[in-house]
Amino acid sequence: MILNVHNAEFLTSAVNARGYPVHDLREIALVGRSNVGKSSLINALVNRRKFARTSGQPGRTQTINFYRVDRLCLVDLPGYGFAKVPAAVRSAWRPMIEGYLTGRPNLVGVLHLVDARHEPTKDDQVMSIWLREMDMPSVLIATKADKISRSRYQKHVKMIREALQREPVLFSAQTKQGRDEVLRIICELGGLI
């Protein structure tokens, strides 16, 4: 493996550019709706259960969290589309997320996470269109693949493909399905291969 996932550390949390880490690492951002599994994906990649903080309660990630993994940085963005977070917090997330995605020179790619069990939401569709229009290198990852039976994989992949006009990579943080493929994608986006 080109990326040493054991050489990983939490760097910092930020709510705006003043709090971003100063480094020359290339960054890969994780975007997706609340509770889609962004933090769990990071934990599965580095083989640590509590490296990135996870919660069964949607809307817990309210800052931009930076994690150095060897020679790259994974950036966990707050999830979108969760209604039970106070409106003031939700309204602050959009400029925080957009500010990072449009203004961070270290950003080289995005992992767009959707839930494999459900049809992509309107917010998922908006994010997918936005990434295409920004010409941002990105990959679509369908998380929680362990929650659907293998016999239904093709049905769910087709549903996601038709909604977002992209082919998803199936991933499970529980079983590590798709882990090697996601690591390869991260290395490609980060210019390591």
Protein backbone atom coordinates (compact mmCIF):
# COMPACT_ATOMS: atom_id res chain seq x y z
CA MET A 1 0.00 0.00 0.00
CA ILE A 2 1.29 3.42 -0.97
CA LEU A 3 -0.40 5.08 2.03
CA ASN A 4 0.70 4.12 5.55
CA VAL A 5 -2.68 4.23 7.31
CA HIS A 6 -1.04 3.48 10.67
CA ASN A 7 0.76 6.83 10.48
CA ALA A 8 -2.33 8.94 11.15
CA GLU A 9 -3.32 11.70 13.55
CA PHE A 10 -6.11 14.16 14.23
CA LEU A 11 -4.85 17.65 13.36
CA THR A 12 -7.55 20.15 14.25
CA SER A 13 -11.18 21.25 14.00
CA ALA A 14 -12.17 24.52 12.37
CA VAL A 15 -15.24 26.57 11.52
CA ASN A 16 -13.52 28.88 9.01
CA ALA A 17 -10.27 29.40 7.11
CA ARG A 18 -8.55 31.01 10.10
CA GLY A 19 -8.68 27.65 11.86
CA TYR A 20 -7.46 25.48 8.96
CA PRO A 21 -4.09 23.78 9.51
CA VAL A 22 -1.13 25.38 7.76
CA HIS A 23 0.57 22.62 5.78
CA ASP A 24 1.36 21.56 2.23
CA LEU A 25 -0.52 18.24 2.37
CA ARG A 26 -3.07 17.48 -0.30
CA GLU A 27 -6.58 17.22 1.13
CA ILE A 28 -9.45 14.89 0.27
CA ALA A 29 -12.81 16.06 1.65
CA LEU A 30 -15.69 13.80 2.69
CA VAL A 31 -19.15 15.21 2.02
CA GLY A 32 -22.59 13.72 2.50
CA ARG A 33 -25.77 13.98 4.47
CA SER A 34 -25.79 13.71 8.25
CA ASN A 35 -25.19 10.20 9.59
CA VAL A 36 -24.12 8.78 6.21
CA GLY A 37 -20.92 7.38 7.71
CA LYS A 38 -18.14 9.87 6.92
CA SER A 39 -16.38 9.46 10.28
CA SER A 40 -16.93 5.68 10.20
CA LEU A 41 -15.31 5.52 6.76
CA ILE A 42 -12.24 7.34 8.10
CA ASN A 43 -12.08 4.94 11.06
CA ALA A 44 -12.32 1.91 8.74
CA LEU A 45 -9.57 3.25 6.49
CA VAL A 46 -7.08 3.67 9.36
CA ASN A 47 -8.26 0.53 11.21
CA ARG A 48 -9.10 2.42 14.40
CA ARG A 49 -12.56 2.35 15.94
CA LYS A 50 -12.46 5.75 17.63
CA PHE A 51 -9.99 7.72 15.50
CA ALA A 52 -12.72 10.00 14.09
CA ARG A 53 -15.59 10.63 16.47
CA THR A 54 -18.80 8.89 15.42
CA SER A 55 -22.33 9.09 16.72
CA GLY A 56 -25.60 7.36 16.03
CA GLN A 57 -27.19 10.78 16.36
CA PRO A 58 -27.21 12.75 13.09
CA GLY A 59 -25.73 16.23 13.05
CA ARG A 60 -22.95 15.62 15.60
CA THR A 61 -20.09 16.78 13.37
CA GLN A 62 -20.46 20.55 13.52
CA THR A 63 -16.92 21.55 12.58
CA ILE A 64 -14.52 20.77 9.76
CA ASN A 65 -12.21 18.07 11.10
CA PHE A 66 -8.74 17.52 9.63
CA TYR A 67 -7.00 14.12 9.88
CA ARG A 68 -3.49 13.52 8.58
CA VAL A 69 -3.10 10.04 7.11
CA ASP A 70 0.53 9.60 6.14
CA ARG A 71 1.17 12.10 3.31
CA LEU A 72 -2.46 13.15 2.79
CA CYS A 73 -5.15 14.85 4.84
CA LEU A 74 -8.74 13.61 5.07
CA VAL A 75 -11.23 16.35 5.85
CA ASP A 76 -14.54 15.40 7.47
CA LEU A 77 -17.15 18.08 6.70
CA PRO A 78 -20.43 18.51 8.62
CA GLY A 79 -23.29 16.56 7.12
CA TYR A 80 -26.05 18.30 5.23
CA GLY A 81 -29.80 17.84 5.31
CA PHE A 82 -30.49 17.14 8.98
CA ALA A 83 -33.57 18.98 10.22
CA LYS A 84 -33.27 18.51 14.01
CA VAL A 85 -30.12 20.61 14.36
CA PRO A 86 -31.00 24.19 15.41
CA ALA A 87 -31.65 26.44 12.40
CA ALA A 88 -28.83 28.81 13.39
CA VAL A 89 -26.33 25.92 13.36
CA ARG A 90 -27.66 24.60 10.04
CA SER A 91 -27.44 28.04 8.42
CA ALA A 92 -23.82 28.37 9.60
CA TRP A 93 -22.86 25.02 8.05
CA ARG A 94 -23.52 26.03 4.46
CA PRO A 95 -21.03 28.92 4.30
CA MET A 96 -18.57 26.82 6.34
CA ILE A 97 -18.77 23.90 3.89
CA GLU A 98 -18.89 26.05 0.74
CA GLY A 99 -16.05 28.22 2.02
CA TYR A 100 -13.86 25.18 2.46
CA LEU A 101 -14.83 23.53 -0.85
CA THR A 102 -14.36 26.70 -2.91
CA GLY A 103 -11.47 28.38 -1.13
CA ARG A 104 -9.05 25.72 0.10
CA PRO A 105 -6.03 25.46 -2.24
CA ASN A 106 -4.96 22.12 -0.65
CA LEU A 107 -8.22 20.45 -1.72
CA VAL A 108 -7.58 18.00 -4.57
CA GLY A 109 -10.67 15.78 -4.46
CA VAL A 110 -13.93 14.87 -2.78
CA LEU A 111 -15.47 11.61 -1.61
CA HIS A 112 -19.23 12.11 -1.93
CA LEU A 113 -20.94 9.65 0.41
CA VAL A 114 -24.54 8.49 0.04
CA ASP A 115 -26.43 5.80 1.95
CA ALA A 116 -26.65 2.61 -0.14
CA ARG A 117 -29.99 1.72 1.47
CA HIS A 118 -31.93 4.77 0.32
CA GLU A 119 -32.64 6.76 -2.78
CA PRO A 120 -30.34 9.81 -2.87
CA THR A 121 -31.94 12.90 -1.36
CA LYS A 122 -32.46 16.24 -3.07
CA ASP A 123 -29.42 17.48 -1.10
CA ASP A 124 -27.37 14.56 -2.48
CA GLN A 125 -28.44 15.52 -5.99
CA VAL A 126 -27.57 19.19 -5.44
CA MET A 127 -24.11 18.22 -4.11
CA SER A 128 -23.50 15.90 -7.06
CA ILE A 129 -24.44 18.62 -9.56
CA TRP A 130 -22.36 21.20 -7.69
CA LEU A 131 -19.25 18.97 -7.73
CA ARG A 132 -19.65 18.44 -11.49
CA GLU A 133 -20.16 22.15 -12.16
CA MET A 134 -17.13 23.05 -10.02
CA ASP A 135 -15.14 20.48 -12.04
CA MET A 136 -13.99 19.04 -8.72
CA PRO A 137 -12.46 15.54 -8.96
CA SER A 138 -14.83 13.38 -6.94
CA VAL A 139 -15.93 9.80 -6.39
CA LEU A 140 -19.36 8.61 -5.28
CA ILE A 141 -19.30 6.11 -2.40
CA ALA A 142 -22.41 4.24 -1.26
CA THR A 143 -21.96 3.48 2.44
CA LYS A 144 -23.66 0.96 4.74
CA ALA A 145 -23.55 -1.74 2.05
CA ASP A 146 -23.64 -4.38 4.80
CA LYS A 147 -27.20 -3.27 5.59
CA ILE A 148 -28.56 -4.53 2.26
CA SER A 149 -28.51 -8.11 1.03
CA ARG A 150 -26.12 -8.98 -1.78
CA SER A 151 -29.09 -10.02 -3.92
CA ARG A 152 -30.32 -6.39 -3.79
CA TYR A 153 -26.94 -4.74 -4.58
CA GLN A 154 -27.69 -4.22 -8.26
CA LYS A 155 -31.10 -2.72 -7.54
CA HIS A 156 -29.62 -0.21 -5.09
CA VAL A 157 -26.65 0.62 -7.33
CA LYS A 158 -29.05 1.24 -10.22
CA MET A 159 -31.25 3.50 -8.04
CA ILE A 160 -28.20 5.59 -7.01
CA ARG A 161 -26.73 5.67 -10.53
CA GLU A 162 -30.02 6.88 -12.03
CA ALA A 163 -30.51 9.58 -9.37
CA LEU A 164 -26.95 10.96 -9.48
CA GLN A 165 -25.74 9.97 -12.96
CA ARG A 166 -22.64 8.35 -11.47
CA GLU A 167 -21.49 4.84 -10.64
CA PRO A 168 -21.09 4.36 -6.88
CA VAL A 169 -18.43 2.35 -5.07
CA LEU A 170 -20.08 0.12 -2.45
CA PHE A 171 -18.54 0.45 1.00
CA SER A 172 -19.13 -0.92 4.49
CA ALA A 173 -17.30 0.34 7.56
CA GLN A 174 -18.50 -2.77 9.42
CA THR A 175 -17.23 -5.46 7.04
CA LYS A 176 -14.52 -3.32 5.35
CA GLN A 177 -16.09 -4.08 1.96
CA GLY A 178 -14.67 -1.60 -0.56
CA ARG A 179 -11.92 -0.42 1.82
CA ASP A 180 -9.03 -1.27 -0.51
CA GLU A 181 -10.79 0.37 -3.45
CA VAL A 182 -11.47 3.55 -1.46
CA LEU A 183 -7.83 3.68 -0.32
CA ARG A 184 -6.72 3.31 -3.96
CA ILE A 185 -9.11 6.13 -4.97
CA ILE A 186 -7.75 8.38 -2.22
CA CYS A 187 -4.20 7.69 -3.40
CA GLU A 188 -5.20 8.52 -6.98
CA LEU A 189 -6.98 11.73 -5.98
CA GLY A 190 -3.98 12.65 -3.83
CA GLY A 191 -1.55 12.13 -6.70
CA LEU A 192 0.30 9.27 -5.00
CA ILE A 193 -0.29 6.85 -7.90
